[in-house]
Structures are given as structure tokens and as C-alpha cells.
Amino acid sequence: MSASGGTRAIVAALGANLAIAASKFVAFAFSGSSSMLAEGVHSLADSGNQFLLIIGGKRAQREATPQHPFGYGRERYIYAFLVSIVLFSVGGMFAIYEGYEKIQHPHEVEHWYWPVGVLVFAIIAEGFSFRTAIKESNELRGRLSWAQFIRRAKAPELPVVLLEDFGALIGLVLALGGVGLALLTGNGVWDGVGTVCIGVLLVCIALVLAAETKSLLLGEAAGVEVVKQIEAAMVDGETVTGIIHMRTLHLGPEELLVAAKIAVRHDDTAAEVASAINAAEARIRAAVPIARVIYLEPDIYSEAEAAKGPDREATPGGPTPHPTGH
């Protein structure tokens, strides 16, 4: 996922949210609608979230240091995780609290044309932002469904903006429904109900974002197609006859670590093995440019050892050996 595509979607969402937030707070001031207040805070939180994504993207571009030899690519995941926290607390929990207060102490919505007009404007603006995010995502999504794209994307920006904009559009519909029912029935409780529904929606979206960014922070392997490309490039059948085992890890959205034990012929000289490793690394980088860090360990392939299966005890994150006597 390109950083430029994500940035365009973020800027579009930021501009829309700032304009919408201002209009919602004006509508709240004139109408007293709790839905407008909750939606205003939601848009303000979304604007802050877009600033966080921009900051994360900038900080991730820093050069590697001795203390952080693999660079700062994962800063984008950290700031995306912060987005989920802000959306949960500032957006979701505040809306639920405000809606509960309005249900407990309802009052009639005044100057109805303010919230209705603002909601219509907000739906148009959010629709523009959502359209931009969809357009940028379609260039990268390929044949994946939207759920698969959000689940498998290694760059967090577009999935975050997609979910935020989708949630914003649904929230606006809920707010419009709450305000509309409050006007039709003359009962301000419906405004509070709409606000609570907005809060629950935001909490659900925040939990989805948190789960996805947590997986990225823990470290995800390359996708299946990328792994196949690496395997095909690594083995040439002459100097590198096979792959004994391989691990991949995303150091950032556009930085991939590849570590593998490769099979070489038993009668190859040290110079020939070194040349084979250098050639394999060059083929991998040509096939998968994001493979920035590559470690290849040569070994002699043994059918007897291969038949034993992978050594899970020697795998990072594998089962812990049992204590002696158990």
C-alpha cells in the first residue's frame, strides 16, 4: 500500500471533518441537540485521528539508528492504534454518556432546521471523503473483498480512513433519524437514543481497528502471494536447490524482513555459496522490492531431517520445552 495514496485519503478526510465539526457545533449551539454535540465531538476526534496518522507517517520515514537498526516503520502502526483509543474514548464513550444524559433529561429540539441542514451537508462532505478513500483503496485492493482488504492490509491508513468514514456516514444517518423522530413526536428522548446508537457504533469500529492494528504491532508475515514470489525468486535450481524453512516479517508497511535457510550442494565451495546467496538476494529484491532486510543461511538439505518435520521448539513463539521430569 503506497504512502501517497493513504495520504490523499487522509487529507480529504481531514478537510471534510474539520468543516463538518465546525458546522455541527454551530447547530448544537442553536438547537441544543445532543446528537449534534455527539456528532461534533465525533468529527473533532476524527480530525485528531487524521493528524495522528499524518504524524505517524512522517515519523516512520526516519532513518535507522544503532538503537533502532530496523528503522521506524512500525510508528505507523503505533499511531493507528492510538486512533482506535481516541475513537473509543473521545468518540464512542462520550456519545454514549451524552445520549444517556439526554434520555434521562430530555428537552425539545429547537430550531430544527439547523441540525437537519448540517446533517445533510455533513452527509455530502463525508460522502466525498468516503469516495476518495474507496478510490484509493480500489487501486490496491485487487480481487479482495472489503473485509479481506481491511484484514490483510499492511498499511493502516486506508483501512482506518475507510472505517472512520463508513462509521461517520452511518452515524449521520442515526443522528438524522434521532433528530427526525424527536421533531415528529415532540419527545427529546429520541435524540438521546440516536446519540447512544452513534456511541455504540463508534465503540464497535474502534474495537475492530484496535484488533487489526494490534496484529500489525505484534508482527505479521508477508501475504501468501508475496511469499510465493519470494520462494520462486530464491530458488534457481542450480546454486540454490531448495528452501529448508523461511520466515517473513513486516518491519513496516513497506519494509519486509526475509530470513531463510536455503539448501546448497554439498560439494560447493565457500566462494560458490557466497555467490549463490548474493544472487538469491538480488533476485528476491527484484521480485519483491519491499524486501529490504534479507538473511540467508546455507545448509545441506537432508531428506531424513526434513521427514522429521519443523522443529517447533526452535521456532520463536513456539511451545516452551517442558521442565525436566515432566
Foldseek 3Di string as FASTA:
>chain_A
DDPVLLLVLLVLLLVLLVVLLVLLVVLCVQWVQLLSVLLSQLSVLSNVLSVLLVVLVVQQPDDADPVRNLGRQLSNLVSLLVSLVSLLPRRQVVLQVSLVVCLVPPAATPPLCSLVVSLVVSLVSLVVSLVSLVVSVVVPQPPHDPVVCCQQQQRNRSNSSNLSSVLSNVLSVLQNQLNVVCVVVVIRNSSSVSSNVSSVSSNVSSVVSNVRSVVSVVWDFDDPVLVVLLQVLQDPCAAFNHWLDKTKTDPHSLAIEIETETAGDPPDDPVSNVVSVVSSVVSSCVRRVNDPHYHYHYDHDDPVVVVVPDDQCPDVVGDPDDPPPD
